[in-house]
């Protein structure tokens, strides 16, 4: 246990993390979408799409195995930095990325011959300099064993040995007998994650992470925000999805801008009004200027968060809201410790509402609230 924002940090159980990650995996991947031409030399479009689906399905199983047996493959940190501080997940991501990127598909596409694992084993660059890996050999063995448990097969290394010396590793052949086409998907996703993510998103929020199967990276064109939002809302009750999508459309029609920020432990759909549209703003700029957002986190699950700053300008409107909403607005928001002498609950982020059935009772009022907050931007 360590401290964060003045309070203790308690690491969330790995089964909660697994269930959380599973929500981020896209449930509805289109049967047909345009694929970036850079991938067509690796496989035909049909195989690429089938490979992405197979990789997505593997991630569902990965989360199930993480839920049931993940605790056996790594120990809890004594002093976690935050409640989701599981380096093992990033190490697994590094390994999957290395396997997919630094490999060649066999002629029958049933295996990958890995040429190097730079995240775990030192490599020599073009200038003859030795580049140290960011992860240890011990972590490599741990990750390989977990992936083996998940259905991967590794030839070239005996993971059943108590002590495995990676210096003896001359080659690594990787297969996935349950569904070999997954290897094509893994290779495509690894290349996309390394070579296209920064070009497409141009901000620091999307970390190189293969655990959420962001298939949109390989598309020729960007995906409409509302389609990404539909994927995000999919696990929620149908009426909550409908209310959320209507609120999105309403705010876009008003002139707001929405930017999605999706990574393994940080999901936001931030809505902002940009006064000076002639100035080019980054995604980070727009996020910092947000008036409200949809968000997902391990701590709070699905939420709608409002960052209103001018409620004093329309108190007469607020008086007509349901009492539960009136009381919340009257209390205000800000630092939990400073304002209420309570443990940090991220109160500084805004008024937080759970995206469950209960929000349907105040959904119309929230829309009116945002309308009035928005209108204050045009008043002197």
Protein backbone atom coordinates (compact mmCIF):
# COMPACT_ATOMS: atom_id res chain seq x y z
CA UNK A 1 0.00 0.00 0.00
CA UNK A 2 1.22 3.53 -0.78
CA UNK A 3 -0.33 6.98 -0.77
CA UNK A 4 -1.86 9.01 -3.57
CA UNK A 5 -3.54 12.41 -3.21
CA UNK A 6 -3.03 12.12 0.52
CA UNK A 7 -4.77 8.74 0.91
CA UNK A 8 -3.82 5.07 0.72
CA UNK A 9 -3.50 3.35 -2.65
CA UNK A 10 -5.07 -0.09 -2.67
CA UNK A 11 -4.38 -2.20 -5.73
CA UNK A 12 -7.57 -3.41 -7.39
CA UNK A 13 -7.91 -7.22 -7.59
CA UNK A 14 -6.77 -8.59 -10.93
CA UNK A 15 -10.22 -10.06 -11.60
CA UNK A 16 -11.70 -6.55 -11.52
CA UNK A 17 -9.00 -5.37 -13.92
CA UNK A 18 -9.80 -8.28 -16.26
CA UNK A 19 -13.51 -7.47 -16.28
CA UNK A 20 -12.70 -3.82 -16.93
CA UNK A 21 -10.43 -4.56 -19.90
CA UNK A 22 -13.07 -6.84 -21.39
CA UNK A 23 -15.43 -3.86 -21.64
CA UNK A 24 -12.94 -2.06 -23.88
CA UNK A 25 -12.70 -4.85 -26.46
CA UNK A 26 -14.98 -3.97 -29.43
CA UNK A 27 -17.97 -6.29 -29.54
CA UNK A 28 -19.09 -5.30 -33.05
CA UNK A 29 -16.32 -5.27 -35.64
CA UNK A 30 -17.72 -4.62 -39.15
CA UNK A 31 -17.60 -7.45 -41.65
CA UNK A 32 -16.28 -5.12 -44.32
CA UNK A 33 -14.09 -2.03 -43.95
CA UNK A 34 -11.32 -0.46 -46.00
CA UNK A 35 -7.82 -1.60 -45.03
CA UNK A 36 -4.67 0.49 -45.27
CA UNK A 37 -2.69 -0.54 -48.34
CA UNK A 38 0.49 -1.03 -46.27
CA UNK A 39 -0.93 -4.33 -44.92
CA UNK A 40 -1.92 -5.91 -48.22
CA UNK A 41 1.54 -7.37 -48.79
CA UNK A 42 1.19 -9.40 -45.58
CA UNK A 43 -2.15 -11.07 -46.32
CA UNK A 44 -5.28 -10.61 -48.37
CA UNK A 45 -8.08 -8.46 -46.97
CA UNK A 46 -10.29 -11.43 -46.08
CA UNK A 47 -7.51 -13.04 -44.05
CA UNK A 48 -6.70 -9.74 -42.35
CA UNK A 49 -10.30 -9.22 -41.24
CA UNK A 50 -10.58 -12.83 -40.07
CA UNK A 51 -7.28 -12.44 -38.23
CA UNK A 52 -8.50 -9.32 -36.42
CA UNK A 53 -11.68 -11.13 -35.34
CA UNK A 54 -9.62 -14.11 -34.11
CA UNK A 55 -7.31 -11.79 -32.19
CA UNK A 56 -10.33 -10.03 -30.64
CA UNK A 57 -11.76 -13.38 -29.60
CA UNK A 58 -8.42 -14.34 -28.07
CA UNK A 59 -8.49 -11.17 -25.96
CA UNK A 60 -11.84 -12.23 -24.51
CA UNK A 61 -10.24 -15.55 -23.49
CA UNK A 62 -7.15 -13.70 -22.24
CA UNK A 63 -9.37 -11.67 -19.89
CA UNK A 64 -11.12 -14.83 -18.70
CA UNK A 65 -7.77 -16.49 -17.95
CA UNK A 66 -6.54 -13.31 -16.29
CA UNK A 67 -9.68 -13.33 -14.17
CA UNK A 68 -9.32 -16.97 -13.10
CA UNK A 69 -5.57 -17.57 -12.94
CA UNK A 70 -3.77 -14.26 -13.43
CA UNK A 71 -2.86 -14.03 -9.75
CA UNK A 72 -0.72 -17.18 -10.12
CA UNK A 73 1.64 -15.56 -12.60
CA UNK A 74 2.67 -12.44 -10.75
CA UNK A 75 2.72 -11.06 -7.22
CA UNK A 76 1.02 -7.91 -6.00
CA UNK A 77 3.16 -4.81 -5.63
CA UNK A 78 3.82 -3.73 -2.04
CA UNK A 79 3.81 -0.05 -2.94
CA UNK A 80 1.58 0.48 -5.98
CA UNK A 81 1.62 3.91 -7.58
CA UNK A 82 -2.08 3.71 -8.37
CA UNK A 83 -4.95 1.25 -8.04
CA UNK A 84 -4.28 -0.24 -11.51
CA UNK A 85 -0.50 -0.55 -11.15
CA UNK A 86 -0.01 -3.93 -12.83
CA UNK A 87 3.29 -3.82 -14.82
CA UNK A 88 2.58 -7.41 -15.89
CA UNK A 89 -0.09 -6.16 -18.28
CA UNK A 90 2.32 -3.80 -20.01
CA UNK A 91 4.96 -6.53 -20.16
CA UNK A 92 2.43 -8.83 -21.84
CA UNK A 93 1.65 -6.03 -24.28
CA UNK A 94 5.37 -5.59 -25.00
CA UNK A 95 5.73 -9.30 -25.68
CA UNK A 96 2.70 -9.51 -27.99
CA UNK A 97 3.98 -6.45 -29.83
CA UNK A 98 7.48 -7.94 -30.21
CA UNK A 99 6.10 -11.26 -31.42
CA UNK A 100 3.88 -9.64 -34.01
CA UNK A 101 6.25 -6.94 -35.22
CA UNK A 102 9.61 -8.73 -35.21
CA UNK A 103 8.51 -11.89 -36.98
CA UNK A 104 7.70 -13.48 -40.30
CA UNK A 105 4.62 -15.52 -41.10
CA UNK A 106 5.29 -19.07 -42.30
CA UNK A 107 4.27 -20.01 -45.83
CA UNK A 108 1.07 -21.64 -44.55
CA UNK A 109 0.44 -18.77 -42.08
CA UNK A 110 0.29 -21.27 -39.19
CA UNK A 111 3.26 -19.89 -37.27
CA UNK A 112 5.41 -16.82 -36.70
CA UNK A 113 9.19 -17.03 -36.69
CA UNK A 114 10.35 -14.34 -34.26
CA UNK A 115 13.68 -12.73 -35.11
CA UNK A 116 14.14 -10.63 -31.95
CA UNK A 117 12.47 -9.57 -28.72
CA UNK A 118 13.96 -6.10 -28.11
CA UNK A 119 11.72 -5.35 -25.12
CA UNK A 120 13.26 -8.32 -23.26
CA UNK A 121 16.55 -9.26 -24.92
CA UNK A 122 19.35 -6.79 -25.76
CA UNK A 123 19.83 -5.99 -29.45
CA UNK A 124 22.61 -4.42 -31.48
CA UNK A 125 21.61 -1.35 -33.48
CA UNK A 126 22.89 -0.34 -36.95
CA UNK A 127 25.82 1.48 -35.36
CA UNK A 128 26.95 -1.56 -33.40
CA UNK A 129 25.68 -0.24 -30.09
CA UNK A 130 24.08 -2.61 -27.60
CA UNK A 131 20.59 -1.51 -26.58
CA UNK A 132 19.46 -2.79 -23.21
CA UNK A 133 15.88 -4.09 -22.94
CA UNK A 134 13.36 -2.38 -20.67
CA UNK A 135 12.13 -5.72 -19.24
CA UNK A 136 14.13 -8.52 -17.62
CA UNK A 137 14.51 -12.09 -18.83
CA UNK A 138 12.59 -13.27 -15.76
CA UNK A 139 9.61 -11.19 -16.86
CA UNK A 140 9.87 -12.63 -20.36
CA UNK A 141 9.59 -16.19 -19.03
CA UNK A 142 6.64 -15.23 -16.85
CA UNK A 143 4.82 -13.65 -19.81
CA UNK A 144 5.59 -16.58 -22.12
CA UNK A 145 4.21 -19.01 -19.56
CA UNK A 146 1.00 -17.05 -19.21
CA UNK A 147 0.53 -16.86 -22.98
CA UNK A 148 1.21 -20.60 -23.14
CA UNK A 149 -1.52 -21.08 -20.56
CA UNK A 150 -3.78 -19.00 -22.85
CA UNK A 151 -3.20 -21.33 -25.81
CA UNK A 152 0.02 -20.17 -27.49
CA UNK A 153 2.74 -22.71 -28.31
CA UNK A 154 6.42 -21.73 -28.32
CA UNK A 155 9.03 -23.87 -30.06
CA UNK A 156 12.67 -23.07 -29.35
CA UNK A 157 12.32 -22.73 -25.59
CA UNK A 158 11.33 -25.21 -22.88
CA UNK A 159 9.08 -23.35 -20.46
CA UNK A 160 8.57 -26.44 -18.31
CA UNK A 161 12.10 -26.15 -16.96
CA UNK A 162 12.31 -24.58 -13.50
CA UNK A 163 15.09 -22.27 -14.67
CA UNK A 164 15.04 -21.08 -18.26
CA UNK A 165 18.16 -19.39 -19.60
CA UNK A 166 17.12 -16.97 -22.35
CA UNK A 167 20.73 -16.67 -23.47
CA UNK A 168 20.26 -20.15 -24.95
CA UNK A 169 17.34 -18.90 -27.06
CA UNK A 170 18.43 -19.20 -30.71
CA UNK A 171 15.00 -18.95 -32.33
CA UNK A 172 11.36 -18.73 -31.29
CA UNK A 173 8.56 -20.17 -33.36
CA UNK A 174 5.11 -19.10 -32.21
CA UNK A 175 1.84 -20.84 -33.05
CA UNK A 176 -1.76 -20.75 -31.86
CA UNK A 177 -3.30 -24.14 -32.73
CA UNK A 178 -6.81 -23.20 -31.57
CA UNK A 179 -7.18 -20.65 -34.39
CA UNK A 180 -4.01 -20.07 -36.46
CA UNK A 181 -5.46 -17.08 -38.34
CA UNK A 182 -5.01 -15.16 -35.06
CA UNK A 183 -1.28 -14.91 -35.90
CA UNK A 184 -2.13 -12.81 -38.96
CA UNK A 185 -4.28 -10.55 -36.81
CA UNK A 186 -1.56 -10.21 -34.17
CA UNK A 187 1.03 -9.28 -36.78
CA UNK A 188 -1.24 -6.69 -38.41
CA UNK A 189 -2.25 -5.16 -35.08
CA UNK A 190 1.37 -5.00 -33.87
CA UNK A 191 2.52 -3.16 -36.98
CA UNK A 192 -0.42 -0.78 -36.75
CA UNK A 193 0.17 -0.12 -33.07
CA UNK A 194 3.84 0.73 -33.61
CA UNK A 195 3.73 2.52 -36.96
CA UNK A 196 0.30 4.10 -37.22
CA UNK A 197 -0.97 4.98 -33.75
CA UNK A 198 1.06 8.18 -33.32
CA UNK A 199 0.37 9.25 -36.90
CA UNK A 200 -3.38 8.83 -36.48
CA UNK A 201 -3.96 10.10 -32.95
CA UNK A 202 -1.06 12.54 -32.48
CA UNK A 203 -1.32 12.69 -28.70
CA UNK A 204 0.01 10.96 -25.65
CA UNK A 205 -3.17 9.44 -24.28
CA UNK A 206 -3.24 6.36 -26.50
CA UNK A 207 -0.36 4.23 -25.28
CA UNK A 208 0.91 1.37 -27.41
CA UNK A 209 -1.42 -1.27 -26.08
CA UNK A 210 -2.67 -4.39 -27.83
CA UNK A 211 -5.10 -5.47 -25.13
CA UNK A 212 -8.09 -3.52 -26.49
CA UNK A 213 -7.92 -4.57 -30.18
CA UNK A 214 -8.20 -1.11 -31.73
CA UNK A 215 -8.89 -2.44 -35.25
CA UNK A 216 -9.68 1.11 -36.41
CA UNK A 217 -5.95 1.73 -36.71
CA UNK A 218 -5.74 -0.42 -39.83
CA UNK A 219 -8.63 1.32 -41.58
CA UNK A 220 -7.92 3.63 -44.48
CA UNK A 221 -10.16 6.36 -43.05
CA UNK A 222 -10.82 7.57 -39.54
CA UNK A 223 -13.92 6.20 -37.80
CA UNK A 224 -16.75 8.58 -36.95
CA UNK A 225 -16.77 9.48 -33.27
CA UNK A 226 -20.36 8.32 -32.85
CA UNK A 227 -19.42 4.83 -34.04
CA UNK A 228 -16.61 4.67 -31.50
CA UNK A 229 -19.05 5.90 -28.85
CA UNK A 230 -21.51 3.14 -29.77
CA UNK A 231 -18.78 0.54 -29.14
CA UNK A 232 -17.99 2.20 -25.81
CA UNK A 233 -21.63 2.21 -24.68
CA UNK A 234 -22.44 -1.31 -25.90
CA UNK A 235 -22.28 -3.07 -22.47
CA UNK A 236 -24.80 -0.62 -20.96
CA UNK A 237 -28.62 -1.00 -20.80
CA UNK A 238 -30.28 -0.20 -24.13
CA UNK A 239 -32.19 2.85 -22.84
CA UNK A 240 -29.00 4.29 -21.31
CA UNK A 241 -27.25 3.81 -24.65
CA UNK A 242 -30.08 5.60 -26.43
CA UNK A 243 -30.08 8.51 -23.96
CA UNK A 244 -26.29 8.86 -24.21
CA UNK A 245 -26.26 8.84 -28.01
CA UNK A 246 -29.06 11.41 -28.13
CA UNK A 247 -27.11 13.65 -25.75
CA UNK A 248 -24.03 13.27 -27.95
CA UNK A 249 -25.97 14.27 -31.09
CA UNK A 250 -27.62 17.17 -29.29
CA UNK A 251 -24.31 18.65 -28.11
CA UNK A 252 -22.64 18.19 -31.50
CA UNK A 253 -25.59 19.95 -33.15
CA UNK A 254 -25.12 22.81 -30.66
CA UNK A 255 -21.56 23.27 -31.87
CA UNK A 256 -19.49 21.28 -29.39
CA UNK A 257 -16.48 19.20 -30.38
CA UNK A 258 -16.04 15.64 -29.08
CA UNK A 259 -12.67 13.90 -28.86
CA UNK A 260 -12.29 10.24 -27.81
CA UNK A 261 -9.31 9.31 -25.65
CA UNK A 262 -9.02 5.54 -25.36
CA UNK A 263 -6.25 3.57 -23.71
CA UNK A 264 -6.21 0.60 -21.39
CA UNK A 265 -6.84 2.53 -18.15
CA UNK A 266 -8.13 5.86 -19.40
CA UNK A 267 -11.28 6.29 -21.48
CA UNK A 268 -12.88 9.65 -22.15
CA UNK A 269 -15.26 11.16 -24.67
CA UNK A 270 -14.66 14.84 -23.94
CA UNK A 271 -17.04 17.56 -25.15
CA UNK A 272 -15.79 21.11 -25.47
CA UNK A 273 -16.84 24.35 -27.07
CA UNK A 274 -14.01 25.97 -28.97
CA UNK A 275 -14.46 29.75 -29.11
CA UNK A 276 -11.56 30.45 -31.46
CA UNK A 277 -11.84 27.80 -34.13
CA UNK A 278 -9.08 29.39 -36.16
CA UNK A 279 -6.52 28.21 -33.62
CA UNK A 280 -5.49 24.59 -34.09
CA UNK A 281 -5.87 22.69 -30.83
CA UNK A 282 -4.51 19.31 -29.87
CA UNK A 283 -6.65 16.55 -28.40
CA UNK A 284 -5.07 17.33 -25.02
CA UNK A 285 -6.07 21.00 -25.37
CA UNK A 286 -9.67 20.07 -26.16
CA UNK A 287 -9.79 17.62 -23.27
CA UNK A 288 -8.57 20.23 -20.81
CA UNK A 289 -11.28 22.61 -22.03
CA UNK A 290 -14.05 20.01 -21.70
CA UNK A 291 -17.47 21.04 -20.42
CA UNK A 292 -18.55 17.45 -19.86
CA UNK A 293 -17.62 13.90 -20.78
CA UNK A 294 -18.46 10.23 -20.84
CA UNK A 295 -15.78 8.31 -18.95
CA UNK A 296 -14.87 4.79 -17.91
CA UNK A 297 -12.46 3.79 -15.16
CA UNK A 298 -11.82 0.86 -12.85
CA UNK A 299 -12.78 2.96 -9.85
CA UNK A 300 -15.98 4.58 -11.14
CA UNK A 301 -17.01 2.32 -14.06
CA UNK A 302 -19.19 4.11 -16.64
CA UNK A 303 -19.91 7.75 -15.79
CA UNK A 304 -21.15 11.02 -17.18
CA UNK A 305 -19.09 13.89 -15.74
CA UNK A 306 -20.12 17.56 -15.91
CA UNK A 307 -17.64 20.39 -15.29
CA UNK A 308 -20.05 23.33 -15.14
CA UNK A 309 -18.54 26.61 -13.93
CA UNK A 310 -21.36 29.12 -14.25
CA UNK A 311 -24.35 27.59 -12.48
CA UNK A 312 -24.90 30.90 -10.69
CA UNK A 313 -26.02 32.36 -14.04
CA UNK A 314 -29.09 30.11 -14.30
CA UNK A 315 -30.20 29.28 -10.76
CA UNK A 316 -33.84 29.69 -11.80
CA UNK A 317 -33.41 26.77 -14.22
CA UNK A 318 -31.71 24.57 -11.63
CA UNK A 319 -34.62 25.12 -9.22
CA UNK A 320 -36.81 23.12 -11.61
CA UNK A 321 -34.52 20.08 -11.60
CA UNK A 322 -35.26 16.93 -9.54
CA UNK A 323 -34.23 17.46 -5.91
CA UNK A 324 -31.45 14.85 -6.09
CA UNK A 325 -29.81 16.80 -8.92
CA UNK A 326 -30.39 20.16 -7.23
CA UNK A 327 -28.65 18.98 -4.07
CA UNK A 328 -25.67 17.65 -6.01
CA UNK A 329 -25.22 20.92 -7.89
CA UNK A 330 -25.66 22.93 -4.70
CA UNK A 331 -22.89 20.96 -3.01
CA UNK A 332 -20.50 21.79 -5.84
CA UNK A 333 -17.39 19.94 -6.90
CA UNK A 334 -13.67 20.16 -6.28
CA UNK A 335 -10.96 18.55 -4.17
CA UNK A 336 -12.66 16.05 -1.84
CA UNK A 337 -10.01 16.42 0.85
CA UNK A 338 -9.97 20.21 0.89
CA UNK A 339 -13.71 20.82 0.54
CA UNK A 340 -15.24 17.94 2.46
CA UNK A 341 -12.35 16.38 4.40
CA UNK A 342 -13.03 13.09 2.58
CA UNK A 343 -10.71 10.63 0.77
CA UNK A 344 -9.92 11.49 -2.84
CA UNK A 345 -12.65 10.31 -5.20
CA UNK A 346 -11.52 12.45 -8.15
CA UNK A 347 -14.12 15.04 -7.19
CA UNK A 348 -11.95 17.67 -8.86
CA UNK A 349 -12.95 16.22 -12.23
CA UNK A 350 -16.55 17.41 -11.97
CA UNK A 351 -20.05 16.28 -11.04
CA UNK A 352 -20.07 12.51 -11.57
CA UNK A 353 -23.17 10.47 -12.47
CA UNK A 354 -23.18 6.71 -12.88
CA UNK A 355 -24.35 5.55 -16.33
CA UNK A 356 -26.90 3.11 -15.02
CA UNK A 357 -30.70 3.04 -15.07
CA UNK A 358 -30.82 5.77 -12.41
CA UNK A 359 -29.53 8.39 -14.84
CA UNK A 360 -32.67 7.99 -16.96
CA UNK A 361 -34.60 9.88 -14.25
CA UNK A 362 -32.40 12.97 -14.66
CA UNK A 363 -31.27 12.64 -18.29
CA UNK A 364 -33.59 15.38 -19.60
CA UNK A 365 -32.50 17.74 -16.82
CA UNK A 366 -28.83 17.11 -17.60
CA UNK A 367 -29.49 18.07 -21.21
CA UNK A 368 -31.16 21.31 -20.10
CA UNK A 369 -28.28 21.90 -17.70
CA UNK A 370 -25.72 21.57 -20.49
CA UNK A 371 -27.81 23.82 -22.75
CA UNK A 372 -27.73 26.58 -20.15
CA UNK A 373 -24.07 26.12 -19.35
CA UNK A 374 -23.31 26.28 -23.07
CA UNK A 375 -25.35 29.47 -23.53
CA UNK A 376 -23.23 31.27 -20.91
CA UNK A 377 -20.33 31.14 -23.37
CA UNK A 378 -22.17 33.65 -25.54
CA UNK A 379 -23.11 36.07 -22.77
CA UNK A 380 -20.82 38.93 -21.83
